[in-house]
Amino acid sequence: MAEGQARPHLSWSSLTASDPPMISLDTNPEDRDKLPPILSVATSSVLHSEVNFLREGCGDDQICQSNLGVIYQFGSRPPTSDLFTPLPRNEEGVSVFSLSDQRSMVLEVTVTNTPSDPLHPEEDGDDAHAAQLLVTLPDTLSYAGFRGQQVVCQANKNGSQAECELGNPMKRDATLRFYIILSTSNITIETTELTVHLLLATISEQPDLVPVTAVAKVIIELPLAVSGLARPHQLFFSGAVRGERHGLTLTEVGSPCGVLSSR
C-alpha cells in the first residue's frame, strides 16, 4: 500500500448457512478500486441438513423402546434327546442339583419381548435391536455348548462367559427358548450352591435392564449299601421301620436292635 493511502478497516458480520460472507471496507471510493480481491466472488454453497435413520418396529415416535425379559430353570437333557427334565426344587422353590455321576447340567433360558402393559402396548415392547444375552459362570461351572434355534452363542477361552446373539432385531412379541449346557466337572464336595448371572443388552431404549441371578443348590449323593447277618439267630429288631429318606442324621438311624440269649 502506498504511503499516505488510507488503511481499510475489515469487519466480519455473523454468518449463517444461507448467507454469503459480508465485508465492509471503510475507505475512500477512489482507493477502493485499487485494492486486490481477498475473497472469491463465488457465492458460498455450504449446506446443513439433518438425517434421521429410521428403524423398523419402533412405533410412531421412531424411538425403539423394548421390553426384554428373561426367565430360567435348571434341568437335565440327554445328549441324544430333546427331552428337558427340570431339576427338583426344595421347600423354598430353589432348584436342587444332585451330584452323582452327572458330568453336565442344562440351563433352560426363555427370553421375551412383550409390552409391559397389554392395555397400552404403544409404551414399550418395540423391536430390540442388537439383542444379546451375556452369561457369566462361577468357577465351579464352565460353558460346554448350547442347543436352540435362532440363537448363536460363543464363549471365551476358559468357558467362564458366553455371549448369545438373540437377533437384530428381536421382534415385538417374540419368544426365544434355548438351552445352555454347563460342565459340572469342577464341582467339589465343598460346593453348596451354583450361581449363574444373566444380563440382557440391546441398543434399543430400555434403561431398566439389570442382571438376573440363576441359583441352584448342590447336594452330594454317594452310593451306600448296608448288609449284615445276625449271629446268633436270636437277634431280632424290636423298633419301628423307617424309610431311607427319614434318616437325615446319625441320631435318626432308627431303633436299636435287641439281643435275646437263651441258655
Protein backbone atom coordinates (compact mmCIF):
# COMPACT_ATOMS: atom_id res chain seq x y z
CA MET A 1 0.00 0.00 0.00
CA ALA A 2 1.39 3.38 -0.99
CA GLU A 3 2.35 5.78 1.72
CA GLY A 4 -0.39 8.26 2.56
CA GLN A 5 -3.27 5.99 1.44
CA ALA A 6 -5.99 5.32 3.97
CA ARG A 7 -5.79 1.83 5.59
CA PRO A 8 -9.02 -0.12 5.03
CA HIS A 9 -10.87 -1.49 8.09
CA LEU A 10 -12.31 -5.05 7.63
CA SER A 11 -15.17 -6.25 9.85
CA TRP A 12 -16.90 -9.70 9.72
CA SER A 13 -20.60 -9.95 10.26
CA SER A 14 -22.25 -13.08 11.68
CA LEU A 15 -22.59 -15.83 9.11
CA THR A 16 -25.31 -18.38 8.63
CA ALA A 17 -25.51 -21.40 6.38
CA SER A 18 -27.52 -19.49 3.76
CA ASP A 19 -25.73 -16.10 3.81
CA PRO A 20 -22.54 -15.33 1.85
CA PRO A 21 -19.63 -13.70 3.68
CA MET A 22 -20.05 -9.92 4.12
CA ILE A 23 -17.15 -7.42 4.25
CA SER A 24 -17.38 -3.69 4.76
CA LEU A 25 -14.48 -1.53 3.51
CA ASP A 26 -14.15 1.75 5.30
CA THR A 27 -12.06 3.59 2.75
CA ASN A 28 -12.36 6.23 0.07
CA PRO A 29 -14.26 5.21 -3.10
CA GLU A 30 -11.24 6.22 -5.21
CA ASP A 31 -8.92 3.87 -3.34
CA ARG A 32 -11.41 1.00 -3.22
CA ASP A 33 -10.91 0.03 -6.88
CA LYS A 34 -7.16 -0.25 -6.37
CA LEU A 35 -7.43 -2.93 -3.65
CA PRO A 36 -6.75 -6.54 -4.74
CA PRO A 37 -9.53 -9.07 -4.11
CA ILE A 38 -9.14 -11.03 -0.88
CA LEU A 39 -12.16 -13.35 -1.19
CA SER A 40 -13.62 -15.32 -4.05
CA VAL A 41 -16.57 -13.67 -5.74
CA ALA A 42 -18.32 -17.06 -5.93
CA THR A 43 -21.36 -17.47 -3.68
CA SER A 44 -20.92 -19.85 -0.74
CA SER A 45 -22.62 -23.21 -1.26
CA VAL A 46 -22.35 -24.68 2.26
CA LEU A 47 -25.47 -26.63 3.16
CA HIS A 48 -26.55 -28.14 6.50
CA SER A 49 -29.08 -30.94 6.77
CA GLU A 50 -30.15 -33.43 9.43
CA VAL A 51 -30.60 -37.11 8.61
CA ASN A 52 -32.60 -39.46 10.83
CA PHE A 53 -32.00 -43.20 10.43
CA LEU A 54 -35.36 -44.89 10.77
CA ARG A 55 -35.56 -48.39 12.28
CA GLU A 56 -38.43 -50.74 11.67
CA GLY A 57 -40.71 -51.68 14.52
CA CYS A 58 -40.08 -48.53 16.56
CA GLY A 59 -43.59 -47.10 16.75
CA ASP A 60 -44.93 -43.76 15.58
CA ASP A 61 -42.33 -41.76 17.54
CA GLN A 62 -39.48 -43.61 15.76
CA ILE A 63 -37.95 -44.45 19.16
CA CYS A 64 -37.42 -48.15 19.86
CA GLN A 65 -38.46 -48.90 23.44
CA SER A 66 -38.03 -52.62 24.01
CA ASN A 67 -39.14 -54.69 27.00
CA LEU A 68 -36.79 -57.66 27.14
CA GLY A 69 -37.24 -60.16 29.95
CA VAL A 70 -35.63 -63.47 30.89
CA ILE A 71 -36.74 -66.49 32.91
CA TYR A 72 -34.75 -69.67 33.56
CA GLN A 73 -34.78 -73.11 35.08
CA PHE A 74 -32.10 -75.73 35.69
CA GLY A 75 -32.52 -79.26 34.45
CA SER A 76 -31.02 -82.16 32.57
CA ARG A 77 -31.21 -83.21 28.97
CA PRO A 78 -29.86 -86.40 27.37
CA PRO A 79 -27.24 -85.77 24.66
CA THR A 80 -29.28 -87.62 22.02
CA SER A 81 -32.71 -86.33 23.00
CA ASP A 82 -34.63 -83.04 23.08
CA LEU A 83 -36.39 -84.00 26.31
CA PHE A 84 -35.71 -81.45 29.05
CA THR A 85 -36.29 -82.55 32.64
CA PRO A 86 -36.35 -79.76 35.27
CA LEU A 87 -34.42 -80.31 38.47
CA PRO A 88 -36.46 -80.91 41.64
CA ARG A 89 -37.00 -77.95 43.93
CA ASN A 90 -36.70 -77.64 47.68
CA GLU A 91 -39.26 -76.13 50.03
CA GLU A 92 -38.06 -72.63 49.11
CA GLY A 93 -38.60 -73.23 45.41
CA VAL A 94 -34.86 -73.36 44.60
CA SER A 95 -33.60 -75.99 42.14
CA VAL A 96 -31.55 -78.79 43.71
CA PHE A 97 -28.73 -80.41 41.76
CA SER A 98 -27.66 -83.87 42.97
CA LEU A 99 -24.07 -84.60 42.04
CA SER A 100 -23.61 -88.30 41.43
CA ASP A 101 -22.35 -89.49 38.07
CA GLN A 102 -23.61 -86.46 36.11
CA ARG A 103 -20.97 -84.53 34.19
CA SER A 104 -23.22 -81.74 32.92
CA MET A 105 -26.39 -79.84 33.63
CA VAL A 106 -28.62 -77.69 31.43
CA LEU A 107 -29.89 -74.15 31.95
CA GLU A 108 -33.10 -73.50 30.04
CA VAL A 109 -33.36 -69.81 29.14
CA THR A 110 -36.50 -68.10 27.85
CA VAL A 111 -36.24 -64.51 26.56
CA THR A 112 -39.35 -62.46 25.76
CA ASN A 113 -40.01 -59.03 24.25
CA THR A 114 -43.62 -58.16 25.00
CA PRO A 115 -45.32 -54.92 26.15
CA SER A 116 -45.32 -54.46 29.91
CA ASP A 117 -48.93 -53.24 29.80
CA PRO A 118 -51.21 -55.05 27.33
CA LEU A 119 -53.71 -52.19 27.61
CA HIS A 120 -51.10 -49.70 26.40
CA PRO A 121 -48.84 -51.67 24.04
CA GLU A 122 -47.50 -48.50 22.44
CA GLU A 123 -45.49 -47.63 25.57
CA ASP A 124 -42.83 -50.34 25.10
CA GLY A 125 -42.23 -53.75 23.60
CA ASP A 126 -40.81 -52.38 20.33
CA ASP A 127 -38.20 -54.30 18.37
CA ALA A 128 -35.00 -54.90 20.37
CA HIS A 129 -32.10 -54.15 18.04
CA ALA A 130 -28.78 -55.98 18.53
CA ALA A 131 -30.31 -58.01 21.37
CA GLN A 132 -27.81 -60.11 23.35
CA LEU A 133 -27.61 -62.24 26.48
CA LEU A 134 -24.36 -62.29 28.45
CA VAL A 135 -23.91 -65.39 30.64
CA THR A 136 -21.32 -65.29 33.46
CA LEU A 137 -20.46 -68.56 35.20
CA PRO A 138 -18.79 -69.34 38.55
CA ASP A 139 -15.52 -71.26 38.88
CA THR A 140 -17.46 -74.47 39.53
CA LEU A 141 -19.18 -74.39 36.11
CA SER A 142 -17.95 -73.93 32.55
CA TYR A 143 -19.67 -73.45 29.21
CA ALA A 144 -19.98 -76.65 27.19
CA GLY A 145 -22.32 -75.66 24.36
CA PHE A 146 -25.87 -74.64 23.52
CA ARG A 147 -28.90 -76.01 21.76
CA GLY A 148 -31.63 -73.97 20.16
CA GLN A 149 -32.79 -72.26 17.01
CA GLN A 150 -32.47 -68.57 16.02
CA VAL A 151 -29.74 -68.17 18.66
CA VAL A 152 -25.94 -68.24 18.35
CA CYS A 153 -23.74 -68.49 21.46
CA GLN A 154 -19.96 -68.08 21.71
CA ALA A 155 -17.78 -68.48 24.80
CA ASN A 156 -14.40 -67.15 25.84
CA LYS A 157 -11.34 -69.41 26.05
CA ASN A 158 -11.84 -70.71 29.58
CA GLY A 159 -15.61 -71.05 29.27
CA SER A 160 -16.39 -68.63 32.12
CA GLN A 161 -18.52 -66.35 29.92
CA ALA A 162 -20.77 -66.83 26.91
CA GLU A 163 -22.44 -64.27 24.66
CA CYS A 164 -25.63 -65.26 22.88
CA GLU A 165 -26.99 -63.29 19.91
CA LEU A 166 -30.79 -63.11 20.15
CA GLY A 167 -31.48 -61.34 16.86
CA ASN A 168 -31.12 -57.99 15.16
CA PRO A 169 -33.77 -57.11 15.83
CA MET A 170 -35.63 -59.36 18.25
CA LYS A 171 -39.14 -58.60 17.13
CA ARG A 172 -42.07 -57.37 19.18
CA ASP A 173 -43.98 -60.22 20.90
CA ALA A 174 -41.12 -62.64 20.16
CA THR A 175 -40.18 -65.51 22.50
CA LEU A 176 -36.88 -67.40 22.29
CA ARG A 177 -36.15 -70.58 24.25
CA PHE A 178 -32.75 -72.23 24.16
CA TYR A 179 -30.52 -74.40 26.33
CA ILE A 180 -27.04 -73.68 27.69
CA ILE A 181 -25.08 -76.82 28.52
CA LEU A 182 -22.84 -76.47 31.58
CA SER A 183 -19.98 -78.71 32.60
CA THR A 184 -20.00 -79.68 36.31
CA SER A 185 -16.52 -81.23 36.38
CA ASN A 186 -15.19 -78.51 38.72
CA ILE A 187 -17.80 -79.08 41.42
CA THR A 188 -16.27 -80.43 44.65
CA ILE A 189 -17.71 -81.77 47.91
CA GLU A 190 -17.36 -78.24 49.33
CA THR A 191 -19.71 -76.80 46.67
CA THR A 192 -23.12 -76.00 48.12
CA GLU A 193 -24.54 -73.52 45.60
CA LEU A 194 -24.32 -72.60 41.93
CA THR A 195 -24.95 -69.05 40.65
CA VAL A 196 -25.20 -68.03 37.01
CA HIS A 197 -25.57 -64.34 36.08
CA LEU A 198 -27.73 -63.46 33.06
CA LEU A 199 -27.59 -59.94 31.59
CA LEU A 200 -29.70 -58.80 28.62
CA ALA A 201 -28.46 -55.98 26.36
CA THR A 202 -29.85 -54.03 23.39
CA ILE A 203 -29.23 -50.73 21.62
CA SER A 204 -32.95 -50.00 21.80
CA GLU A 205 -34.09 -47.91 24.74
CA GLN A 206 -34.56 -49.99 27.91
CA PRO A 207 -32.76 -48.44 30.87
CA ASP A 208 -34.06 -50.93 33.47
CA LEU A 209 -32.00 -53.91 32.30
CA VAL A 210 -30.26 -55.47 35.32
CA PRO A 211 -28.53 -58.85 35.82
CA VAL A 212 -30.69 -61.82 36.79
CA THR A 213 -29.07 -64.45 39.03
CA ALA A 214 -29.98 -68.10 38.48
CA VAL A 215 -29.39 -70.11 41.67
CA ALA A 216 -29.30 -73.84 42.33
CA LYS A 217 -28.41 -75.76 45.50
CA VAL A 218 -25.96 -78.65 45.34
CA ILE A 219 -26.17 -81.90 47.28
CA ILE A 220 -23.64 -84.69 47.07
CA GLU A 221 -25.06 -88.20 46.78
CA LEU A 222 -22.73 -91.14 47.31
CA PRO A 223 -23.82 -94.76 46.78
CA LEU A 224 -24.10 -96.58 50.13
CA ALA A 225 -25.29 -100.08 50.86
CA VAL A 226 -25.56 -101.81 54.25
CA SER A 227 -25.91 -105.54 54.64
CA GLY A 228 -25.47 -107.90 57.59
CA LEU A 229 -26.12 -111.29 59.09
CA ALA A 230 -27.49 -111.90 62.59
CA ARG A 231 -25.34 -114.22 64.70
CA PRO A 232 -26.63 -115.79 66.78
CA HIS A 233 -30.06 -116.28 65.31
CA GLN A 234 -31.73 -114.96 68.48
CA LEU A 235 -31.12 -111.39 67.33
CA PHE A 236 -34.27 -109.53 66.35
CA PHE A 237 -35.33 -105.98 65.52
CA SER A 238 -37.75 -104.54 68.04
CA GLY A 239 -38.26 -100.98 66.71
CA ALA A 240 -40.29 -99.18 64.06
CA VAL A 241 -39.23 -99.46 60.45
CA ARG A 242 -38.24 -96.15 58.85
CA GLY A 243 -37.83 -95.29 55.19
CA GLU A 244 -34.45 -94.35 53.80
CA ARG A 245 -35.45 -90.70 53.44
CA HIS A 246 -36.31 -90.32 57.12
CA GLY A 247 -32.76 -90.75 58.33
CA LEU A 248 -31.01 -87.44 57.73
CA THR A 249 -28.54 -87.51 60.67
CA LEU A 250 -26.73 -90.17 62.69
CA THR A 251 -29.20 -89.77 65.56
CA GLU A 252 -32.07 -90.74 63.26
CA VAL A 253 -30.82 -94.13 62.09
CA GLY A 254 -33.71 -95.93 63.82
CA SER A 255 -34.38 -98.00 66.90
CA PRO A 256 -31.62 -100.12 68.41
CA CYS A 257 -31.52 -103.87 67.98
CA GLY A 258 -32.13 -106.12 70.99
CA VAL A 259 -30.43 -109.42 71.74
CA LEU A 260 -32.08 -112.41 73.49
CA SER A 261 -29.96 -115.11 74.90
CA SER A 262 -31.43 -118.49 75.88
CA ARG A 263 -29.30 -120.95 77.78
